[in-house]
PDB file of N, CA and C in Angstrom:
ATOM      1  N   MET A   1       6.162   2.931  30.648  1.00  0.00           N
ATOM      2  CA  MET A   1       5.493   3.276  29.812  1.00  0.00           C
ATOM      3  C   MET A   1       4.946   2.024  28.821  1.00  0.00           C
ATOM      4  N   VAL A   2       3.385   1.861  28.855  1.00  0.00           N
ATOM      5  CA  VAL A   2       3.006   0.870  27.801  1.00  0.00           C
ATOM      6  C   VAL A   2       2.778   1.430  26.770  1.00  0.00           C
ATOM      7  N   GLN A   3       3.147   0.674  25.593  1.00  0.00           N
ATOM      8  CA  GLN A   3       3.028   0.695  24.392  1.00  0.00           C
ATOM      9  C   GLN A   3       1.778   0.150  23.674  1.00  0.00           C
ATOM     10  N   ASP A   4       1.166   0.952  22.772  1.00  0.00           N
ATOM     11  CA  ASP A   4      -0.100   0.539  22.106  1.00  0.00           C
ATOM     12  C   ASP A   4       0.338  -0.869  21.372  1.00  0.00           C
ATOM     13  N   ALA A   5      -0.758  -1.894  21.471  1.00  0.00           N
ATOM     14  CA  ALA A   5      -0.563  -3.076  20.878  1.00  0.00           C
ATOM     15  C   ALA A   5      -0.359  -2.839  19.250  1.00  0.00           C
ATOM     16  N   ALA A   6       0.099  -3.690  18.648  1.00  0.00           N
ATOM     17  CA  ALA A   6       0.761  -3.596  17.140  1.00  0.00           C
ATOM     18  C   ALA A   6      -0.638  -4.218  16.223  1.00  0.00           C
ATOM     19  N   ILE A   7      -1.403  -3.241  15.670  1.00  0.00           N
ATOM     20  CA  ILE A   7      -2.601  -4.286  14.992  1.00  0.00           C
ATOM     21  C   ILE A   7      -1.947  -4.909  13.652  1.00  0.00           C
ATOM     22  N   GLN A   8      -2.583  -5.931  13.540  1.00  0.00           N
ATOM     23  CA  GLN A   8      -2.184  -6.825  12.519  1.00  0.00           C
ATOM     24  C   GLN A   8      -3.254  -6.457  11.247  1.00  0.00           C
ATOM     25  N   ARG A   9      -2.299  -5.740  10.058  1.00  0.00           N
ATOM     26  CA  ARG A   9      -2.908  -5.290   8.826  1.00  0.00           C
ATOM     27  C   ARG A   9      -2.453  -5.957   7.532  1.00  0.00           C
ATOM     28  N   THR A  10      -2.960  -5.658   6.418  1.00  0.00           N
ATOM     29  CA  THR A  10      -2.461  -5.586   5.245  1.00  0.00           C
ATOM     30  C   THR A  10      -1.744  -4.216   4.627  1.00  0.00           C
ATOM     31  N   ILE A  11      -1.408  -3.720   3.966  1.00  0.00           N
ATOM     32  CA  ILE A  11      -0.900  -2.494   3.718  1.00  0.00           C
ATOM     33  C   ILE A  11      -2.184  -1.715   3.273  1.00  0.00           C
ATOM     34  N   LYS A  12      -2.998  -2.266   2.460  1.00  0.00           N
ATOM     35  CA  LYS A  12      -3.750  -1.664   2.016  1.00  0.00           C
ATOM     36  C   LYS A  12      -5.297  -1.100   2.943  1.00  0.00           C
ATOM     37  N   ASP A  13      -4.917  -1.907   4.187  1.00  0.00           N
ATOM     38  CA  ASP A  13      -6.268  -1.877   5.210  1.00  0.00           C
ATOM     39  C   ASP A  13      -5.239  -0.732   6.330  1.00  0.00           C
ATOM     40  N   ILE A  14      -4.271  -0.680   6.050  1.00  0.00           N
ATOM     41  CA  ILE A  14      -3.905   0.395   6.856  1.00  0.00           C
ATOM     42  C   ILE A  14      -4.775   1.934   7.252  1.00  0.00           C
ATOM     43  N   LYS A  15      -4.753   2.076   8.266  1.00  0.00           N
ATOM     44  CA  LYS A  15      -6.035   3.024   9.002  1.00  0.00           C
ATOM     45  C   LYS A  15      -4.850   4.608   9.111  1.00  0.00           C
ATOM     46  N   ASN A  16      -5.228   5.479   9.088  1.00  0.00           N
ATOM     47  CA  ASN A  16      -4.790   6.790   9.356  1.00  0.00           C
ATOM     48  C   ASN A  16      -4.930   7.037  10.855  1.00  0.00           C
ATOM     49  N   SER A  17      -5.519   6.222  11.583  1.00  0.00           N
ATOM     50  CA  SER A  17      -5.689   6.341  13.079  1.00  0.00           C
ATOM     51  C   SER A  17      -4.554   5.307  13.870  1.00  0.00           C
ATOM     52  N   ASP A  18      -4.373   4.065  12.965  1.00  0.00           N
ATOM     53  CA  ASP A  18      -3.336   3.314  13.397  1.00  0.00           C
ATOM     54  C   ASP A  18      -1.911   3.799  14.424  1.00  0.00           C
ATOM     55  N   THR A  19      -1.446   3.375  15.464  1.00  0.00           N
ATOM     56  CA  THR A  19      -0.392   3.867  16.002  1.00  0.00           C
ATOM     57  C   THR A  19       0.705   2.796  15.691  1.00  0.00           C
ATOM     58  N   ARG A  20       0.369   1.787  16.061  1.00  0.00           N
ATOM     59  CA  ARG A  20       1.522   1.203  16.058  1.00  0.00           C
ATOM     60  C   ARG A  20       0.452  -0.136  15.106  1.00  0.00           C
ATOM     61  N   ILE A  21       1.407  -0.807  14.202  1.00  0.00           N
ATOM     62  CA  ILE A  21       0.953  -1.816  13.237  1.00  0.00           C
ATOM     63  C   ILE A  21       1.949  -2.916  13.072  1.00  0.00           C
ATOM     64  N   GLN A  22       1.526  -4.190  12.876  1.00  0.00           N
ATOM     65  CA  GLN A  22       2.296  -5.245  12.143  1.00  0.00           C
ATOM     66  C   GLN A  22       1.859  -5.353  11.120  1.00  0.00           C
ATOM     67  N   ILE A  23       2.729  -5.694  10.144  1.00  0.00           N
ATOM     68  CA  ILE A  23       2.809  -5.897   8.570  1.00  0.00           C
ATOM     69  C   ILE A  23       3.660  -7.295   8.046  1.00  0.00           C
ATOM     70  N   MET A  24       3.197  -8.107   7.527  1.00  0.00           N
ATOM     71  CA  MET A  24       3.939  -9.061   6.756  1.00  0.00           C
ATOM     72  C   MET A  24       3.898  -9.001   5.028  1.00  0.00           C
ATOM     73  N   GLY A  25       5.372  -9.337   5.177  1.00  0.00           N
ATOM     74  CA  GLY A  25       5.356  -8.995   3.425  1.00  0.00           C
ATOM     75  C   GLY A  25       6.834  -9.651   2.852  1.00  0.00           C
ATOM     76  N   PHE A  26       6.800  -9.299   1.720  1.00  0.00           N
ATOM     77  CA  PHE A  26       8.568  -9.842   1.056  1.00  0.00           C
ATOM     78  C   PHE A  26       9.293  -8.285   0.787  1.00  0.00           C
ATOM     79  N   VAL A  27      10.572  -8.370   1.221  1.00  0.00           N
ATOM     80  CA  VAL A  27      11.504  -7.347   0.908  1.00  0.00           C
ATOM     81  C   VAL A  27      11.824  -6.853  -0.497  1.00  0.00           C
ATOM     82  N   LYS A  28      10.944  -6.181  -1.120  1.00  0.00           N
ATOM     83  CA  LYS A  28      11.122  -5.695  -2.447  1.00  0.00           C
ATOM     84  C   LYS A  28      12.453  -5.016  -2.900  1.00  0.00           C
ATOM     85  N   GLU A  29      12.677  -4.024  -1.894  1.00  0.00           N
ATOM     86  CA  GLU A  29      14.378  -3.464  -1.957  1.00  0.00           C
ATOM     87  C   GLU A  29      14.799  -3.059  -0.620  1.00  0.00           C
ATOM     88  N   ILE A  30      15.902  -3.128  -0.748  1.00  0.00           N
ATOM     89  CA  ILE A  30      16.982  -2.346   0.361  1.00  0.00           C
ATOM     90  C   ILE A  30      17.709  -1.366  -0.234  1.00  0.00           C
ATOM     91  N   VAL A  31      17.488   0.055   0.694  1.00  0.00           N
ATOM     92  CA  VAL A  31      17.979   0.995   0.284  1.00  0.00           C
ATOM     93  C   VAL A  31      18.982   0.999   1.726  1.00  0.00           C
ATOM     94  N   GLU A  32      20.206   0.699   1.091  1.00  0.00           N
ATOM     95  CA  GLU A  32      21.382   0.689   2.138  1.00  0.00           C
ATOM     96  C   GLU A  32      20.889   0.580   3.764  1.00  0.00           C
ATOM     97  N   ASN A  33      21.237   1.557   4.524  1.00  0.00           N
ATOM     98  CA  ASN A  33      20.693   0.659   6.091  1.00  0.00           C
ATOM     99  C   ASN A  33      19.985   1.532   6.596  1.00  0.00           C
ATOM    100  N   ASP A  34      18.749   2.228   5.686  1.00  0.00           N
ATOM    101  CA  ASP A  34      17.864   3.280   5.828  1.00  0.00           C
ATOM    102  C   ASP A  34      16.668   2.805   5.694  1.00  0.00           C
ATOM    103  N   TYR A  35      16.177   2.367   4.653  1.00  0.00           N
ATOM    104  CA  TYR A  35      14.767   1.828   4.660  1.00  0.00           C
ATOM    105  C   TYR A  35      14.738   0.455   3.882  1.00  0.00           C
ATOM    106  N   ILE A  36      13.695  -0.074   3.628  1.00  0.00           N
ATOM    107  CA  ILE A  36      13.244  -1.179   2.853  1.00  0.00           C
ATOM    108  C   ILE A  36      12.142  -0.707   2.481  1.00  0.00           C
ATOM    109  N   ILE A  37      11.310  -1.498   1.264  1.00  0.00           N
ATOM    110  CA  ILE A  37      10.221  -1.523   0.556  1.00  0.00           C
ATOM    111  C   ILE A  37       9.659  -2.702   0.614  1.00  0.00           C
ATOM    112  N   LEU A  38       8.345  -2.931   1.571  1.00  0.00           N
ATOM    113  CA  LEU A  38       7.628  -4.101   1.668  1.00  0.00           C
ATOM    114  C   LEU A  38       6.738  -4.169   0.631  1.00  0.00           C
ATOM    115  N   ASN A  39       6.522  -5.312  -0.034  1.00  0.00           N
ATOM    116  CA  ASN A  39       5.456  -5.843  -0.932  1.00  0.00           C
ATOM    117  C   ASN A  39       4.405  -7.193   0.084  1.00  0.00           C
ATOM    118  N   ASP A  40       3.237  -6.545   0.064  1.00  0.00           N
ATOM    119  CA  ASP A  40       2.708  -7.873   0.867  1.00  0.00           C
ATOM    120  C   ASP A  40       1.419  -8.399  -0.225  1.00  0.00           C
ATOM    121  N   LYS A  41       1.881  -8.099  -1.332  1.00  0.00           N
ATOM    122  CA  LYS A  41       0.500  -8.380  -2.177  1.00  0.00           C
ATOM    123  C   LYS A  41      -0.776  -7.589  -2.459  1.00  0.00           C
ATOM    124  N   THR A  42      -0.967  -6.594  -1.524  1.00  0.00           N
ATOM    125  CA  THR A  42      -1.749  -5.483  -1.810  1.00  0.00           C
ATOM    126  C   THR A  42      -1.652  -4.253  -2.041  1.00  0.00           C
ATOM    127  N   GLU A  43      -0.027  -3.975  -1.353  1.00  0.00           N
ATOM    128  CA  GLU A  43       0.683  -2.591  -1.776  1.00  0.00           C
ATOM    129  C   GLU A  43       1.883  -2.609  -1.435  1.00  0.00           C
ATOM    130  N   GLU A  44       2.464  -1.991  -1.730  1.00  0.00           N
ATOM    131  CA  GLU A  44       3.638  -1.836  -1.151  1.00  0.00           C
ATOM    132  C   GLU A  44       4.312  -0.631   0.086  1.00  0.00           C
ATOM    133  N   LEU A  45       5.099  -0.703   0.981  1.00  0.00           N
ATOM    134  CA  LEU A  45       5.062  -0.025   2.252  1.00  0.00           C
ATOM    135  C   LEU A  45       6.642   0.489   2.517  1.00  0.00           C
ATOM    136  N   LYS A  46       6.774   1.559   2.664  1.00  0.00           N
ATOM    137  CA  LYS A  46       8.375   2.211   3.247  1.00  0.00           C
ATOM    138  C   LYS A  46       8.537   1.812   4.577  1.00  0.00           C
ATOM    139  N   ILE A  47       9.357   1.133   4.961  1.00  0.00           N
ATOM    140  CA  ILE A  47       9.835   0.381   6.350  1.00  0.00           C
ATOM    141  C   ILE A  47      11.081   1.204   6.753  1.00  0.00           C
ATOM    142  N   ASP A  48      11.452   1.850   7.520  1.00  0.00           N
ATOM    143  CA  ASP A  48      12.769   2.703   8.248  1.00  0.00           C
ATOM    144  C   ASP A  48      13.388   1.738   8.905  1.00  0.00           C
ATOM    145  N   ILE A  49      14.483   1.270   8.584  1.00  0.00           N
ATOM    146  CA  ILE A  49      14.992   0.198   9.544  1.00  0.00           C
ATOM    147  C   ILE A  49      16.087   0.649  10.106  1.00  0.00           C
ATOM    148  N   GLN A  50      16.355   2.075  10.535  1.00  0.00           N
ATOM    149  CA  GLN A  50      17.758   2.744  10.794  1.00  0.00           C
ATOM    150  C   GLN A  50      17.433   2.408  12.432  1.00  0.00           C
ATOM    151  N   ALA A  51      16.699   1.870  13.090  1.00  0.00           N
ATOM    152  CA  ALA A  51      16.774   1.493  14.729  1.00  0.00           C
ATOM    153  C   ALA A  51      16.751  -0.262  15.027  1.00  0.00           C
ATOM    154  N   VAL A  52      17.014  -0.430  13.872  1.00  0.00           N
ATOM    155  CA  VAL A  52      16.925  -2.158  14.256  1.00  0.00           C
ATOM    156  C   VAL A  52      18.052  -2.835  13.302  1.00  0.00           C
ATOM    157  N   GLU A  53      18.504  -3.898  13.757  1.00  0.00           N
ATOM    158  CA  GLU A  53      19.637  -4.913  12.621  1.00  0.00           C
ATOM    159  C   GLU A  53      18.695  -5.366  12.014  1.00  0.00           C
ATOM    160  N   TYR A  54      19.302  -5.345  10.918  1.00  0.00           N
ATOM    161  CA  TYR A  54      18.524  -5.714   9.287  1.00  0.00           C
ATOM    162  C   TYR A  54      19.473  -6.877   8.823  1.00  0.00           C
ATOM    163  N   PRO A  55      19.463  -8.231   9.095  1.00  0.00           N
ATOM    164  CA  PRO A  55      20.166  -9.249   8.259  1.00  0.00           C
ATOM    165  C   PRO A  55      19.645  -9.994   6.919  1.00  0.00           C
ATOM    166  N   PHE A  56      18.539  -9.244   6.701  1.00  0.00           N
ATOM    167  CA  PHE A  56      17.444 -10.130   5.804  1.00  0.00           C
ATOM    168  C   PHE A  56      17.940  -9.598   4.053  1.00  0.00           C
ATOM    169  N   GLN A  57      17.609 -10.341   3.511  1.00  0.00           N
ATOM    170  CA  GLN A  57      17.876 -10.055   1.906  1.00  0.00           C
ATOM    171  C   GLN A  57      16.541  -9.733   1.245  1.00  0.00           C
ATOM    172  N   LYS A  58      16.865  -9.271  -0.022  1.00  0.00           N
ATOM    173  CA  LYS A  58      15.644  -9.108  -0.919  1.00  0.00           C
ATOM    174  C   LYS A  58      15.125 -10.026  -1.325  1.00  0.00           C
ATOM    175  N   ASN A  59      13.590 -10.245  -1.484  1.00  0.00           N
ATOM    176  CA  ASN A  59      12.801 -11.537  -1.483  1.00  0.00           C
ATOM    177  C   ASN A  59      12.216 -12.235  -0.221  1.00  0.00           C
ATOM    178  N   ASN A  60      13.033 -11.980   0.782  1.00  0.00           N
ATOM    179  CA  ASN A  60      12.532 -12.498   2.139  1.00  0.00           C
ATOM    180  C   ASN A  60      11.200 -12.071   2.907  1.00  0.00           C
ATOM    181  N   LEU A  61      10.781 -13.122   3.290  1.00  0.00           N
ATOM    182  CA  LEU A  61       9.293 -12.957   4.060  1.00  0.00           C
ATOM    183  C   LEU A  61       9.564 -12.480   5.469  1.00  0.00           C
ATOM    184  N   ILE A  62       9.256 -11.404   5.981  1.00  0.00           N
ATOM    185  CA  ILE A  62       9.578 -11.059   7.080  1.00  0.00           C
ATOM    186  C   ILE A  62       8.019 -10.217   7.909  1.00  0.00           C
ATOM    187  N   ASN A  63       8.157 -10.201   9.083  1.00  0.00           N
ATOM    188  CA  ASN A  63       6.838  -9.503   9.789  1.00  0.00           C
ATOM    189  C   ASN A  63       7.517  -8.306  10.456  1.00  0.00           C
ATOM    190  N   VAL A  64       7.324  -7.053  10.272  1.00  0.00           N
ATOM    191  CA  VAL A  64       7.349  -5.980  10.813  1.00  0.00           C
ATOM    192  C   VAL A  64       6.439  -5.553  11.861  1.00  0.00           C
ATOM    193  N   ILE A  65       6.774  -5.040  13.268  1.00  0.00           N
ATOM    194  CA  ILE A  65       6.167  -4.257  14.229  1.00  0.00           C
ATOM    195  C   ILE A  65       6.542  -2.706  14.294  1.00  0.00           C
ATOM    196  N   GLY A  66       6.232  -2.345  14.304  1.00  0.00           N
ATOM    197  CA  GLY A  66       6.547  -0.672  14.213  1.00  0.00           C
ATOM    198  C   GLY A  66       5.488   0.468  14.221  1.00  0.00           C
ATOM    199  N   LYS A  67       5.923   1.452  14.536  1.00  0.00           N
ATOM    200  CA  LYS A  67       5.373   2.789  14.775  1.00  0.00           C
ATOM    201  C   LYS A  67       4.604   3.297  13.511  1.00  0.00           C
ATOM    202  N   LEU A  68       3.555   3.557  13.086  1.00  0.00           N
ATOM    203  CA  LEU A  68       2.740   4.003  11.488  1.00  0.00           C
ATOM    204  C   LEU A  68       3.059   6.028  11.693  1.00  0.00           C
ATOM    205  N   ASN A  69       3.893   6.337  10.719  1.00  0.00           N
ATOM    206  CA  ASN A  69       4.163   7.873  10.581  1.00  0.00           C
ATOM    207  C   ASN A  69       3.332   8.170   9.105  1.00  0.00           C
ATOM    208  N   ILE A  70       2.670   9.339   9.104  1.00  0.00           N
ATOM    209  CA  ILE A  70       2.258   9.800   7.984  1.00  0.00           C
ATOM    210  C   ILE A  70       2.843  10.923   7.556  1.00  0.00           C
ATOM    211  N   LYS A  71       3.250  11.011   6.283  1.00  0.00           N
ATOM    212  CA  LYS A  71       3.894  11.924   5.940  1.00  0.00           C
ATOM    213  C   LYS A  71       3.182  13.431   5.531  1.00  0.00           C
ATOM    214  N   LEU A  72       3.493  14.182   5.343  1.00  0.00           N
ATOM    215  CA  LEU A  72       2.890  15.597   4.736  1.00  0.00           C
ATOM    216  C   LEU A  72       1.915  15.181   3.534  1.00  0.00           C
ATOM    217  N   LYS A  73       2.349  14.820   2.682  1.00  0.00           N
ATOM    218  CA  LYS A  73       1.544  14.052   1.449  1.00  0.00           C
ATOM    219  C   LYS A  73       0.849  12.803   1.440  1.00  0.00           C
ATOM    220  N   GLY A  74       0.497  12.431   2.679  1.00  0.00           N
ATOM    221  CA  GLY A  74      -0.529  11.279   3.066  1.00  0.00           C
ATOM    222  C   GLY A  74       0.408  10.236   2.866  1.00  0.00           C
ATOM    223  N   GLU A  75       1.635  10.082   2.948  1.00  0.00           N
ATOM    224  CA  GLU A  75       2.442   8.782   2.617  1.00  0.00           C
ATOM    225  C   GLU A  75       2.545   8.100   3.748  1.00  0.00           C
ATOM    226  N   LYS A  76       2.582   7.098   3.606  1.00  0.00           N
ATOM    227  CA  LYS A  76       2.596   6.081   4.912  1.00  0.00           C
ATOM    228  C   LYS A  76       3.795   5.437   5.321  1.00  0.00           C
ATOM    229  N   GLU A  77       4.452   5.176   6.325  1.00  0.00           N
ATOM    230  CA  GLU A  77       6.082   4.714   6.729  1.00  0.00           C
ATOM    231  C   GLU A  77       5.727   4.145   7.983  1.00  0.00           C
ATOM    232  N   VAL A  78       6.490   3.087   8.259  1.00  0.00           N
ATOM    233  CA  VAL A  78       6.675   2.565   9.455  1.00  0.00           C
ATOM    234  C   VAL A  78       8.273   2.690  10.026  1.00  0.00           C
ATOM    235  N   GLU A  79       8.429   3.270  11.280  1.00  0.00           N
ATOM    236  CA  GLU A  79       9.293   2.741  11.688  1.00  0.00           C
ATOM    237  C   GLU A  79       9.408   1.978  12.414  1.00  0.00           C
ATOM    238  N   ALA A  80      10.145   0.796  12.237  1.00  0.00           N
ATOM    239  CA  ALA A  80      10.444  -0.491  12.686  1.00  0.00           C
ATOM    240  C   ALA A  80      10.993  -0.499  13.969  1.00  0.00           C
ATOM    241  N   GLU A  81      10.419  -1.441  14.777  1.00  0.00           N
ATOM    242  CA  GLU A  81      10.936  -1.843  16.187  1.00  0.00           C
ATOM    243  C   GLU A  81      11.185  -3.149  16.361  1.00  0.00           C
ATOM    244  N   ILE A  82      10.610  -3.890  15.558  1.00  0.00           N
ATOM    245  CA  ILE A  82      11.001  -5.552  15.588  1.00  0.00           C
ATOM    246  C   ILE A  82      10.588  -5.940  14.153  1.00  0.00           C
ATOM    247  N   ILE A  83      11.720  -6.776  13.479  1.00  0.00           N
ATOM    248  CA  ILE A  83      11.865  -7.345  12.553  1.00  0.00           C
ATOM    249  C   ILE A  83      11.719  -9.077  12.657  1.00  0.00           C
ATOM    250  N   GLN A  84      10.845  -9.706  12.061  1.00  0.00           N
ATOM    251  CA  GLN A  84      11.105 -11.224  12.190  1.00  0.00           C
ATOM    252  C   GLN A  84      11.008 -11.704  10.916  1.00  0.00           C
ATOM    253  N   ASP A  85      12.074 -13.122  11.046  1.00  0.00           N
ATOM    254  CA  ASP A  85      12.297 -13.947   9.735  1.00  0.00           C
ATOM    255  C   ASP A  85      10.604 -14.931   9.783  1.00  0.00           C
ATOM    256  N   LYS A  86      10.007 -15.132   8.809  1.00  0.00           N
ATOM    257  CA  LYS A  86       8.829 -15.501   8.522  1.00  0.00           C
ATOM    258  C   LYS A  86       9.101 -16.541   7.284  1.00  0.00           C
ATOM    259  N   SER A  87      10.272 -16.745   6.981  1.00  0.00           N
ATOM    260  CA  SER A  87      10.741 -17.605   5.629  1.00  0.00           C
ATOM    261  C   SER A  87       9.948 -18.821   5.724  1.00  0.00           C
ATOM    262  N   ASN A  88       9.313 -19.538   6.297  1.00  0.00           N
ATOM    263  CA  ASN A  88       8.840 -20.865   6.854  1.00  0.00           C
ATOM    264  C   ASN A  88       7.224 -20.643   6.729  1.00  0.00           C
ATOM    265  N   LEU A  89       6.768 -19.667   6.788  1.00  0.00           N
ATOM    266  CA  LEU A  89       5.200 -19.321   6.683  1.00  0.00           C
ATOM    267  C   LEU A  89       4.722 -19.512   5.263  1.00  0.00           C
ATOM    268  N   ASN A  90       3.618 -20.162   5.061  1.00  0.00           N
ATOM    269  CA  ASN A  90       2.752 -20.378   3.921  1.00  0.00           C
ATOM    270  C   ASN A  90       2.226 -18.766   3.608  1.00  0.00           C
ATOM    271  N   PHE A  91       2.636 -17.994   3.214  1.00  0.00           N
ATOM    272  CA  PHE A  91       1.898 -16.441   2.815  1.00  0.00           C
ATOM    273  C   PHE A  91       0.730 -16.309   2.460  1.00  0.00           C
ATOM    274  N   GLU A  92       0.378 -17.267   1.555  1.00  0.00           N
ATOM    275  CA  GLU A  92      -1.050 -17.635   0.816  1.00  0.00           C
ATOM    276  C   GLU A  92      -2.128 -17.820   1.997  1.00  0.00           C
ATOM    277  N   TYR A  93      -1.617 -18.724   2.755  1.00  0.00           N
ATOM    278  CA  TYR A  93      -2.686 -19.144   3.785  1.00  0.00           C
ATOM    279  C   TYR A  93      -2.916 -18.436   4.821  1.00  0.00           C
ATOM    280  N   TYR A  94      -1.724 -17.525   4.991  1.00  0.00           N
ATOM    281  CA  TYR A  94      -1.721 -16.226   6.086  1.00  0.00           C
ATOM    282  C   TYR A  94      -2.942 -15.226   5.390  1.00  0.00           C
ATOM    283  N   LEU A  95      -2.630 -14.794   4.346  1.00  0.00           N
ATOM    284  CA  LEU A  95      -3.308 -13.753   3.747  1.00  0.00           C
ATOM    285  C   LEU A  95      -4.993 -14.119   3.382  1.00  0.00           C
ATOM    286  N   LYS A  96      -5.306 -15.860   3.539  1.00  0.00           N
ATOM    287  CA  LYS A  96      -6.622 -16.194   3.433  1.00  0.00           C
ATOM    288  C   LYS A  96      -7.384 -15.938   5.119  1.00  0.00           C
ATOM    289  N   LEU A  97      -5.994 -16.341   5.956  1.00  0.00           N
ATOM    290  CA  LEU A  97      -6.955 -16.368   7.313  1.00  0.00           C
ATOM    291  C   LEU A  97      -7.143 -14.977   7.950  1.00  0.00           C
ATOM    292  N   TYR A  98      -5.940 -13.885   7.353  1.00  0.00           N
ATOM    293  CA  TYR A  98      -6.206 -12.455   7.617  1.00  0.00           C
ATOM    294  C   TYR A  98      -7.582 -12.106   7.044  1.00  0.00           C
ATOM    295  N   GLU A  99      -7.772 -12.333   5.866  1.00  0.00           N
ATOM    296  CA  GLU A  99      -9.165 -11.872   5.507  1.00  0.00           C
ATOM    297  C   GLU A  99     -10.448 -12.527   6.379  1.00  0.00           C
ATOM    298  N   ILE A 100     -10.418 -13.874   6.563  1.00  0.00           N
ATOM    299  CA  ILE A 100     -11.286 -14.555   7.420  1.00  0.00           C
ATOM    300  C   ILE A 100     -11.869 -13.933   8.765  1.00  0.00           C
ATOM    301  N   LYS A 101     -10.515 -13.559   9.412  1.00  0.00           N
ATOM    302  CA  LYS A 101     -10.154 -12.915  10.617  1.00  0.00           C
ATOM    303  C   LYS A 101     -10.742 -11.257  10.441  1.00  0.00           C
ATOM    304  N   LYS A 102     -10.780 -10.853   9.488  1.00  0.00           N
ATOM    305  CA  LYS A 102     -11.004  -9.340   9.176  1.00  0.00           C
ATOM    306  C   LYS A 102     -12.633  -9.433   9.373  1.00  0.00           C
ATOM    307  N   GLU A 103     -13.305 -10.384   8.595  1.00  0.00           N
ATOM    308  CA  GLU A 103     -14.864 -10.554   8.150  1.00  0.00           C
ATOM    309  C   GLU A 103     -15.647 -10.534   9.346  1.00  0.00           C
ATOM    310  N   LEU A 104     -14.665 -11.671  10.353  1.00  0.00           N
ATOM    311  CA  LEU A 104     -15.468 -11.849  11.958  1.00  0.00           C
ATOM    312  C   LEU A 104     -15.511 -10.787  12.613  1.00  0.00           C
ATOM    313  N   LEU A 105     -14.629  -9.721  12.406  1.00  0.00           N
ATOM    314  CA  LEU A 105     -14.077  -8.943  13.296  1.00  0.00           C
ATOM    315  C   LEU A 105     -15.138  -7.465  13.163  1.00  0.00           C
TER     316      LEU A 105
END
């Protein structure tokens, strides 16, 4: 079975029609081994981490690839499939490049 490609987004740009997304941001909060709150400087998003190994700490920069779930009240949540360490990435440049890419597409 082939999965849909994970579309690169910022949290504020997530569309209800997205199925798999890729979000980069900082770990704001870790709630046991259940979920984290990710902040990408545009908004915050709940990430379900129950299905992945999670060695990261608060304030780490990470990339999350996963399935987008929309709850009854319209709340968005991502079920993480892959989490990558991006601590060596210049996040400000990443956001600038993301905006340029978005304008070109």
